[in-house]
Amino acid sequence: MQAHVEYETAKRHYAPVDCPGHADYVKIEMDRKGFETWKNMSSKERQSYVVQAKIVNDVYYERLLRESEDQMCSCVDEEADSAEVGKFDK
């Protein structure tokens, strides 16, 4: 996750629900304004968002790795079913 996304998420405001035809346009404009604000921030102002983005990335990759390891470790025990083979074929 990029740090500017953390910043924009914290600062994002959405259009009121009562303007259904314009909600997407307003979100796009607000995202542009948020990114412009991000570009104009000093690195010191950005630092907390950069740290938060790193934390989110680390947690994501840790869970992804754990899920991958769990899938690799889950083996099918075919011998457990071997006693049942043929019993229900009749």
PDB file of N, CA and C in Angstrom:
ATOM      1  N   MET A   1       0.854  -1.165   0.000  1.00  0.00           N
ATOM      2  CA  MET A   1       0.000   0.000   0.000  1.00  0.00           C
ATOM      3  C   MET A   1       0.900   1.227   0.000  1.00  0.00           C
ATOM      4  N   GLN A   2       0.534   2.180  -0.791  1.00  0.00           N
ATOM      5  CA  GLN A   2       1.327   3.392  -0.847  1.00  0.00           C
ATOM      6  C   GLN A   2       0.891   4.344   0.252  1.00  0.00           C
ATOM      7  N   ALA A   3       1.846   5.094   0.746  1.00  0.00           N
ATOM      8  CA  ALA A   3       1.585   5.974   1.881  1.00  0.00           C
ATOM      9  C   ALA A   3       0.550   7.043   1.560  1.00  0.00           C
ATOM     10  N   HIS A   4       0.544   7.529   0.316  1.00  0.00           N
ATOM     11  CA  HIS A   4      -0.437   8.574  -0.004  1.00  0.00           C
ATOM     12  C   HIS A   4      -1.859   8.045   0.075  1.00  0.00           C
ATOM     13  N   VAL A   5      -2.033   6.728  -0.102  1.00  0.00           N
ATOM     14  CA  VAL A   5      -3.363   6.133   0.037  1.00  0.00           C
ATOM     15  C   VAL A   5      -3.796   6.189   1.503  1.00  0.00           C
ATOM     16  N   GLU A   6      -2.860   5.934   2.418  1.00  0.00           N
ATOM     17  CA  GLU A   6      -3.170   6.058   3.843  1.00  0.00           C
ATOM     18  C   GLU A   6      -3.605   7.480   4.169  1.00  0.00           C
ATOM     19  N   TYR A   7      -2.896   8.453   3.618  1.00  0.00           N
ATOM     20  CA  TYR A   7      -3.240   9.851   3.857  1.00  0.00           C
ATOM     21  C   TYR A   7      -4.619  10.162   3.300  1.00  0.00           C
ATOM     22  N   GLU A   8      -4.858   9.755   2.054  1.00  0.00           N
ATOM     23  CA  GLU A   8      -6.130  10.068   1.411  1.00  0.00           C
ATOM     24  C   GLU A   8      -7.293   9.383   2.112  1.00  0.00           C
ATOM     25  N   THR A   9      -7.079   8.164   2.600  1.00  0.00           N
ATOM     26  CA  THR A   9      -8.137   7.449   3.304  1.00  0.00           C
ATOM     27  C   THR A   9      -8.522   8.195   4.579  1.00  0.00           C
ATOM     28  N   ALA A  10      -7.535   8.698   5.266  1.00  0.00           N
ATOM     29  CA  ALA A  10      -7.812   9.421   6.510  1.00  0.00           C
ATOM     30  C   ALA A  10      -8.511  10.750   6.251  1.00  0.00           C
ATOM     31  N   LYS A  11      -8.234  11.370   5.122  1.00  0.00           N
ATOM     32  CA  LYS A  11      -8.761  12.700   4.828  1.00  0.00           C
ATOM     33  C   LYS A  11      -9.950  12.690   3.874  1.00  0.00           C
ATOM     34  N   ARG A  12     -10.352  11.513   3.417  1.00  0.00           N
ATOM     35  CA  ARG A  12     -11.375  11.420   2.374  1.00  0.00           C
ATOM     36  C   ARG A  12     -12.757  11.777   2.908  1.00  0.00           C
ATOM     37  N   HIS A  13     -13.483  12.504   2.096  1.00  0.00           N
ATOM     38  CA  HIS A  13     -14.879  12.828   2.374  1.00  0.00           C
ATOM     39  C   HIS A  13     -15.672  12.411   1.144  1.00  0.00           C
ATOM     40  N   TYR A  14     -16.845  11.882   1.361  1.00  0.00           N
ATOM     41  CA  TYR A  14     -17.647  11.414   0.237  1.00  0.00           C
ATOM     42  C   TYR A  14     -18.806  12.349  -0.044  1.00  0.00           C
ATOM     43  N   ALA A  15     -19.257  12.300  -1.275  1.00  0.00           N
ATOM     44  CA  ALA A  15     -20.392  13.123  -1.691  1.00  0.00           C
ATOM     45  C   ALA A  15     -21.653  12.629  -0.993  1.00  0.00           C
ATOM     46  N   PRO A  16     -22.590  13.507  -0.749  1.00  0.00           N
ATOM     47  CA  PRO A  16     -23.850  13.080  -0.146  1.00  0.00           C
ATOM     48  C   PRO A  16     -24.569  12.066  -1.044  1.00  0.00           C
ATOM     49  N   VAL A  17     -25.309  11.178  -0.429  1.00  0.00           N
ATOM     50  CA  VAL A  17     -26.022  10.138  -1.162  1.00  0.00           C
ATOM     51  C   VAL A  17     -27.120  10.726  -2.043  1.00  0.00           C
ATOM     52  N   ASP A  18     -27.611  11.914  -1.730  1.00  0.00           N
ATOM     53  CA  ASP A  18     -28.730  12.475  -2.477  1.00  0.00           C
ATOM     54  C   ASP A  18     -28.344  13.048  -3.843  1.00  0.00           C
ATOM     55  N   CYS A  19     -27.098  12.862  -4.289  1.00  0.00           N
ATOM     56  CA  CYS A  19     -26.730  13.271  -5.649  1.00  0.00           C
ATOM     57  C   CYS A  19     -26.148  12.060  -6.380  1.00  0.00           C
ATOM     58  N   PRO A  20     -26.991  11.052  -6.676  1.00  0.00           N
ATOM     59  CA  PRO A  20     -26.509   9.782  -7.214  1.00  0.00           C
ATOM     60  C   PRO A  20     -25.774   9.893  -8.541  1.00  0.00           C
ATOM     61  N   GLY A  21     -26.143  10.817  -9.403  1.00  0.00           N
ATOM     62  CA  GLY A  21     -25.475  10.915 -10.695  1.00  0.00           C
ATOM     63  C   GLY A  21     -24.100  11.540 -10.632  1.00  0.00           C
ATOM     64  N   HIS A  22     -23.773  12.178  -9.522  1.00  0.00           N
ATOM     65  CA  HIS A  22     -22.521  12.916  -9.438  1.00  0.00           C
ATOM     66  C   HIS A  22     -21.564  12.378  -8.383  1.00  0.00           C
ATOM     67  N   ALA A  23     -21.936  11.338  -7.697  1.00  0.00           N
ATOM     68  CA  ALA A  23     -21.117  10.841  -6.595  1.00  0.00           C
ATOM     69  C   ALA A  23     -19.729  10.416  -7.061  1.00  0.00           C
ATOM     70  N   ASP A  24     -19.633   9.685  -8.179  1.00  0.00           N
ATOM     71  CA  ASP A  24     -18.334   9.220  -8.653  1.00  0.00           C
ATOM     72  C   ASP A  24     -17.445  10.386  -9.053  1.00  0.00           C
ATOM     73  N   TYR A  25     -18.016  11.374  -9.706  1.00  0.00           N
ATOM     74  CA  TYR A  25     -17.243  12.542 -10.120  1.00  0.00           C
ATOM     75  C   TYR A  25     -16.675  13.260  -8.902  1.00  0.00           C
ATOM     76  N   VAL A  26     -17.484  13.416  -7.874  1.00  0.00           N
ATOM     77  CA  VAL A  26     -17.036  14.114  -6.673  1.00  0.00           C
ATOM     78  C   VAL A  26     -15.917  13.328  -6.004  1.00  0.00           C
ATOM     79  N   LYS A  27     -16.024  12.000  -5.956  1.00  0.00           N
ATOM     80  CA  LYS A  27     -14.966  11.180  -5.365  1.00  0.00           C
ATOM     81  C   LYS A  27     -13.667  11.334  -6.141  1.00  0.00           C
ATOM     82  N   ILE A  28     -13.750  11.341  -7.469  1.00  0.00           N
ATOM     83  CA  ILE A  28     -12.554  11.490  -8.291  1.00  0.00           C
ATOM     84  C   ILE A  28     -11.904  12.844  -8.042  1.00  0.00           C
ATOM     85  N   GLU A  29     -12.702  13.886  -8.007  1.00  0.00           N
ATOM     86  CA  GLU A  29     -12.161  15.223  -7.757  1.00  0.00           C
ATOM     87  C   GLU A  29     -11.510  15.299  -6.380  1.00  0.00           C
ATOM     88  N   MET A  30     -12.144  14.694  -5.383  1.00  0.00           N
ATOM     89  CA  MET A  30     -11.573  14.728  -4.041  1.00  0.00           C
ATOM     90  C   MET A  30     -10.285  13.925  -3.984  1.00  0.00           C
ATOM     91  N   ASP A  31     -10.209  12.803  -4.709  1.00  0.00           N
ATOM     92  CA  ASP A  31      -8.976  12.034  -4.763  1.00  0.00           C
ATOM     93  C   ASP A  31      -7.863  12.851  -5.400  1.00  0.00           C
ATOM     94  N   ARG A  32      -8.167  13.579  -6.454  1.00  0.00           N
ATOM     95  CA  ARG A  32      -7.160  14.428  -7.097  1.00  0.00           C
ATOM     96  C   ARG A  32      -6.670  15.497  -6.137  1.00  0.00           C
ATOM     97  N   LYS A  33      -7.608  16.115  -5.435  1.00  0.00           N
ATOM     98  CA  LYS A  33      -7.228  17.155  -4.476  1.00  0.00           C
ATOM     99  C   LYS A  33      -6.379  16.560  -3.355  1.00  0.00           C
ATOM    100  N   GLY A  34      -6.758  15.369  -2.910  1.00  0.00           N
ATOM    101  CA  GLY A  34      -5.982  14.702  -1.861  1.00  0.00           C
ATOM    102  C   GLY A  34      -4.575  14.393  -2.313  1.00  0.00           C
ATOM    103  N   PHE A  35      -4.431  13.934  -3.554  1.00  0.00           N
ATOM    104  CA  PHE A  35      -3.100  13.621  -4.062  1.00  0.00           C
ATOM    105  C   PHE A  35      -2.285  14.894  -4.254  1.00  0.00           C
ATOM    106  N   GLU A  36      -2.926  15.955  -4.702  1.00  0.00           N
ATOM    107  CA  GLU A  36      -2.221  17.240  -4.836  1.00  0.00           C
ATOM    108  C   GLU A  36      -1.723  17.701  -3.464  1.00  0.00           C
ATOM    109  N   THR A  37      -2.562  17.560  -2.456  1.00  0.00           N
ATOM    110  CA  THR A  37      -2.153  17.925  -1.100  1.00  0.00           C
ATOM    111  C   THR A  37      -0.980  17.068  -0.655  1.00  0.00           C
ATOM    112  N   TRP A  38      -1.049  15.769  -0.965  1.00  0.00           N
ATOM    113  CA  TRP A  38       0.024  14.838  -0.611  1.00  0.00           C
ATOM    114  C   TRP A  38       1.340  15.253  -1.260  1.00  0.00           C
ATOM    115  N   LYS A  39       1.289  15.594  -2.526  1.00  0.00           N
ATOM    116  CA  LYS A  39       2.512  15.985  -3.231  1.00  0.00           C
ATOM    117  C   LYS A  39       3.132  17.241  -2.623  1.00  0.00           C
ATOM    118  N   ASN A  40       2.318  18.114  -2.071  1.00  0.00           N
ATOM    119  CA  ASN A  40       2.815  19.366  -1.511  1.00  0.00           C
ATOM    120  C   ASN A  40       3.228  19.256  -0.043  1.00  0.00           C
ATOM    121  N   MET A  41       3.020  18.095   0.563  1.00  0.00           N
ATOM    122  CA  MET A  41       3.401  17.909   1.964  1.00  0.00           C
ATOM    123  C   MET A  41       4.902  17.678   2.068  1.00  0.00           C
ATOM    124  N   SER A  42       5.479  18.097   3.168  1.00  0.00           N
ATOM    125  CA  SER A  42       6.897  17.817   3.407  1.00  0.00           C
ATOM    126  C   SER A  42       7.051  16.351   3.813  1.00  0.00           C
ATOM    127  N   SER A  43       8.261  15.841   3.717  1.00  0.00           N
ATOM    128  CA  SER A  43       8.485  14.442   4.096  1.00  0.00           C
ATOM    129  C   SER A  43       8.218  14.228   5.586  1.00  0.00           C
ATOM    130  N   LYS A  44       8.411  15.257   6.390  1.00  0.00           N
ATOM    131  CA  LYS A  44       8.106  15.145   7.818  1.00  0.00           C
ATOM    132  C   LYS A  44       6.600  14.986   8.036  1.00  0.00           C
ATOM    133  N   GLU A  45       5.802  15.731   7.279  1.00  0.00           N
ATOM    134  CA  GLU A  45       4.346  15.617   7.389  1.00  0.00           C
ATOM    135  C   GLU A  45       3.861  14.261   6.885  1.00  0.00           C
ATOM    136  N   ARG A  46       4.535  13.709   5.908  1.00  0.00           N
ATOM    137  CA  ARG A  46       4.147  12.417   5.330  1.00  0.00           C
ATOM    138  C   ARG A  46       4.535  11.236   6.210  1.00  0.00           C
ATOM    139  N   GLN A  47       5.501  11.419   7.086  1.00  0.00           N
ATOM    140  CA  GLN A  47       6.123  10.310   7.802  1.00  0.00           C
ATOM    141  C   GLN A  47       5.122   9.394   8.505  1.00  0.00           C
ATOM    142  N   SER A  48       4.141   9.935   9.199  1.00  0.00           N
ATOM    143  CA  SER A  48       3.199   9.072   9.926  1.00  0.00           C
ATOM    144  C   SER A  48       2.401   8.189   8.970  1.00  0.00           C
ATOM    145  N   TYR A  49       2.080   8.707   7.791  1.00  0.00           N
ATOM    146  CA  TYR A  49       1.338   7.922   6.806  1.00  0.00           C
ATOM    147  C   TYR A  49       2.222   6.854   6.171  1.00  0.00           C
ATOM    148  N   VAL A  50       3.496   7.175   5.987  1.00  0.00           N
ATOM    149  CA  VAL A  50       4.448   6.204   5.444  1.00  0.00           C
ATOM    150  C   VAL A  50       4.606   5.043   6.420  1.00  0.00           C
ATOM    151  N   VAL A  51       4.716   5.354   7.696  1.00  0.00           N
ATOM    152  CA  VAL A  51       4.841   4.321   8.726  1.00  0.00           C
ATOM    153  C   VAL A  51       3.585   3.454   8.759  1.00  0.00           C
ATOM    154  N   GLN A  52       2.411   4.080   8.714  1.00  0.00           N
ATOM    155  CA  GLN A  52       1.152   3.328   8.734  1.00  0.00           C
ATOM    156  C   GLN A  52       1.044   2.421   7.513  1.00  0.00           C
ATOM    157  N   ALA A  53       1.443   2.908   6.346  1.00  0.00           N
ATOM    158  CA  ALA A  53       1.398   2.092   5.130  1.00  0.00           C
ATOM    159  C   ALA A  53       2.336   0.899   5.252  1.00  0.00           C
ATOM    160  N   LYS A  54       3.498   1.089   5.853  1.00  0.00           N
ATOM    161  CA  LYS A  54       4.437  -0.014   6.042  1.00  0.00           C
ATOM    162  C   LYS A  54       3.847  -1.065   6.980  1.00  0.00           C
ATOM    163  N   ILE A  55       3.194  -0.614   8.041  1.00  0.00           N
ATOM    164  CA  ILE A  55       2.560  -1.553   8.975  1.00  0.00           C
ATOM    165  C   ILE A  55       1.483  -2.364   8.262  1.00  0.00           C
ATOM    166  N   VAL A  56       0.646  -1.696   7.481  1.00  0.00           N
ATOM    167  CA  VAL A  56      -0.415  -2.385   6.740  1.00  0.00           C
ATOM    168  C   VAL A  56       0.192  -3.393   5.768  1.00  0.00           C
ATOM    169  N   ASN A  57       1.242  -3.009   5.046  1.00  0.00           N
ATOM    170  CA  ASN A  57       1.907  -3.921   4.115  1.00  0.00           C
ATOM    171  C   ASN A  57       2.488  -5.123   4.838  1.00  0.00           C
ATOM    172  N   ASP A  58       3.161  -4.886   5.958  1.00  0.00           N
ATOM    173  CA  ASP A  58       3.773  -5.982   6.705  1.00  0.00           C
ATOM    174  C   ASP A  58       2.730  -6.984   7.185  1.00  0.00           C
ATOM    175  N   VAL A  59       1.621  -6.490   7.715  1.00  0.00           N
ATOM    176  CA  VAL A  59       0.551  -7.372   8.182  1.00  0.00           C
ATOM    177  C   VAL A  59      -0.030  -8.158   7.014  1.00  0.00           C
ATOM    178  N   TYR A  60      -0.238  -7.491   5.877  1.00  0.00           N
ATOM    179  CA  TYR A  60      -0.789  -8.153   4.696  1.00  0.00           C
ATOM    180  C   TYR A  60       0.125  -9.287   4.242  1.00  0.00           C
ATOM    181  N   TYR A  61       1.419  -9.009   4.096  1.00  0.00           N
ATOM    182  CA  TYR A  61       2.337 -10.034   3.613  1.00  0.00           C
ATOM    183  C   TYR A  61       2.532 -11.150   4.628  1.00  0.00           C
ATOM    184  N   GLU A  62       2.463 -10.838   5.911  1.00  0.00           N
ATOM    185  CA  GLU A  62       2.553 -11.874   6.938  1.00  0.00           C
ATOM    186  C   GLU A  62       1.366 -12.834   6.836  1.00  0.00           C
ATOM    187  N   ARG A  63       0.171 -12.289   6.677  1.00  0.00           N
ATOM    188  CA  ARG A  63      -1.023 -13.134   6.544  1.00  0.00           C
ATOM    189  C   ARG A  63      -0.997 -13.920   5.246  1.00  0.00           C
ATOM    190  N   LEU A  64      -0.520 -13.301   4.177  1.00  0.00           N
ATOM    191  CA  LEU A  64      -0.420 -13.987   2.894  1.00  0.00           C
ATOM    192  C   LEU A  64       0.543 -15.163   2.995  1.00  0.00           C
ATOM    193  N   LEU A  65       1.679 -14.955   3.649  1.00  0.00           N
ATOM    194  CA  LEU A  65       2.656 -16.017   3.840  1.00  0.00           C
ATOM    195  C   LEU A  65       2.075 -17.133   4.700  1.00  0.00           C
ATOM    196  N   ARG A  66       1.391 -16.766   5.784  1.00  0.00           N
ATOM    197  CA  ARG A  66       0.785 -17.765   6.669  1.00  0.00           C
ATOM    198  C   ARG A  66      -0.257 -18.593   5.919  1.00  0.00           C
ATOM    199  N   GLU A  67      -1.074 -17.929   5.110  1.00  0.00           N
ATOM    200  CA  GLU A  67      -2.088 -18.633   4.327  1.00  0.00           C
ATOM    201  C   GLU A  67      -1.436 -19.584   3.333  1.00  0.00           C
ATOM    202  N   SER A  68      -0.371 -19.141   2.709  1.00  0.00           N
ATOM    203  CA  SER A  68       0.343 -19.975   1.750  1.00  0.00           C
ATOM    204  C   SER A  68       0.948 -21.195   2.440  1.00  0.00           C
ATOM    205  N   GLU A  69       1.548 -20.983   3.611  1.00  0.00           N
ATOM    206  CA  GLU A  69       2.124 -22.097   4.366  1.00  0.00           C
ATOM    207  C   GLU A  69       1.047 -23.073   4.815  1.00  0.00           C
ATOM    208  N   ASP A  70      -0.106 -22.561   5.229  1.00  0.00           N
ATOM    209  CA  ASP A  70      -1.208 -23.426   5.648  1.00  0.00           C
ATOM    210  C   ASP A  70      -1.689 -24.294   4.499  1.00  0.00           C
ATOM    211  N   GLN A  71      -1.750 -23.733   3.301  1.00  0.00           N
ATOM    212  CA  GLN A  71      -2.193 -24.494   2.136  1.00  0.00           C
ATOM    213  C   GLN A  71      -1.171 -25.560   1.765  1.00  0.00           C
ATOM    214  N   MET A  72       0.102 -25.250   1.918  1.00  0.00           N
ATOM    215  CA  MET A  72       1.137 -26.226   1.582  1.00  0.00           C
ATOM    216  C   MET A  72       1.171 -27.364   2.591  1.00  0.00           C
ATOM    217  N   CYS A  73       0.828 -27.068   3.840  1.00  0.00           N
ATOM    218  CA  CYS A  73       0.894 -28.078   4.895  1.00  0.00           C
ATOM    219  C   CYS A  73      -0.346 -28.962   4.956  1.00  0.00           C
ATOM    220  N   SER A  74      -1.434 -28.506   4.385  1.00  0.00           N
ATOM    221  CA  SER A  74      -2.654 -29.302   4.462  1.00  0.00           C
ATOM    222  C   SER A  74      -2.600 -30.399   3.403  1.00  0.00           C
ATOM    223  N   CYS A  75      -2.246 -31.571   3.852  1.00  0.00           N
ATOM    224  CA  CYS A  75      -2.144 -32.720   2.958  1.00  0.00           C
ATOM    225  C   CYS A  75      -3.383 -33.593   3.133  1.00  0.00           C
ATOM    226  N   VAL A  76      -3.794 -34.231   2.074  1.00  0.00           N
ATOM    227  CA  VAL A  76      -4.941 -35.127   2.128  1.00  0.00           C
ATOM    228  C   VAL A  76      -4.447 -36.494   2.566  1.00  0.00           C
ATOM    229  N   ASP A  77      -5.061 -37.038   3.594  1.00  0.00           N
ATOM    230  CA  ASP A  77      -4.701 -38.360   4.088  1.00  0.00           C
ATOM    231  C   ASP A  77      -5.569 -39.382   3.372  1.00  0.00           C
ATOM    232  N   GLU A  78      -5.038 -39.936   2.299  1.00  0.00           N
ATOM    233  CA  GLU A  78      -5.827 -40.861   1.491  1.00  0.00           C
ATOM    234  C   GLU A  78      -5.945 -42.234   2.133  1.00  0.00           C
ATOM    235  N   GLU A  79      -5.043 -42.588   3.023  1.00  0.00           N
ATOM    236  CA  GLU A  79      -5.117 -43.884   3.675  1.00  0.00           C
ATOM    237  C   GLU A  79      -6.314 -43.975   4.614  1.00  0.00           C
ATOM    238  N   ALA A  80      -6.739 -42.878   5.157  1.00  0.00           N
ATOM    239  CA  ALA A  80      -7.873 -42.890   6.076  1.00  0.00           C
ATOM    240  C   ALA A  80      -9.146 -43.331   5.368  1.00  0.00           C
ATOM    241  N   ASP A  81      -9.269 -43.067   4.082  1.00  0.00           N
ATOM    242  CA  ASP A  81     -10.454 -43.449   3.329  1.00  0.00           C
ATOM    243  C   ASP A  81     -10.330 -44.836   2.696  1.00  0.00           C
ATOM    244  N   SER A  82      -9.156 -45.440   2.734  1.00  0.00           N
ATOM    245  CA  SER A  82      -8.949 -46.693   2.013  1.00  0.00           C
ATOM    246  C   SER A  82      -9.808 -47.838   2.548  1.00  0.00           C
ATOM    247  N   ALA A  83     -10.157 -47.847   3.819  1.00  0.00           N
ATOM    248  CA  ALA A  83     -10.993 -48.909   4.377  1.00  0.00           C
ATOM    249  C   ALA A  83     -12.425 -48.806   3.864  1.00  0.00           C
ATOM    250  N   GLU A  84     -12.826 -47.645   3.436  1.00  0.00           N
ATOM    251  CA  GLU A  84     -14.186 -47.421   2.954  1.00  0.00           C
ATOM    252  C   GLU A  84     -14.325 -47.694   1.457  1.00  0.00           C
ATOM    253  N   VAL A  85     -13.217 -47.864   0.757  1.00  0.00           N
ATOM    254  CA  VAL A  85     -13.254 -48.032  -0.693  1.00  0.00           C
ATOM    255  C   VAL A  85     -14.003 -49.313  -1.047  1.00  0.00           C
ATOM    256  N   GLY A  86     -14.951 -49.201  -1.939  1.00  0.00           N
ATOM    257  CA  GLY A  86     -15.693 -50.355  -2.425  1.00  0.00           C
ATOM    258  C   GLY A  86     -16.940 -50.683  -1.628  1.00  0.00           C
ATOM    259  N   LYS A  87     -17.098 -50.189  -0.424  1.00  0.00           N
ATOM    260  CA  LYS A  87     -18.255 -50.511   0.400  1.00  0.00           C
ATOM    261  C   LYS A  87     -19.549 -49.941  -0.172  1.00  0.00           C
ATOM    262  N   PHE A  88     -19.467 -48.798  -0.803  1.00  0.00           N
ATOM    263  CA  PHE A  88     -20.674 -48.120  -1.250  1.00  0.00           C
ATOM    264  C   PHE A  88     -20.867 -48.192  -2.760  1.00  0.00           C
ATOM    265  N   ASP A  89     -20.067 -48.999  -3.446  1.00  0.00           N
ATOM    266  CA  ASP A  89     -20.160 -49.087  -4.901  1.00  0.00           C
ATOM    267  C   ASP A  89     -21.286 -50.001  -5.360  1.00  0.00           C
ATOM    268  N   LYS A  90     -21.884 -50.768  -4.490  1.00  0.00           N
ATOM    269  CA  LYS A  90     -22.893 -51.754  -4.881  1.00  0.00           C
ATOM    270  C   LYS A  90     -24.227 -51.136  -5.118  1.00  0.00           C
TER     271      LYS A  90
END
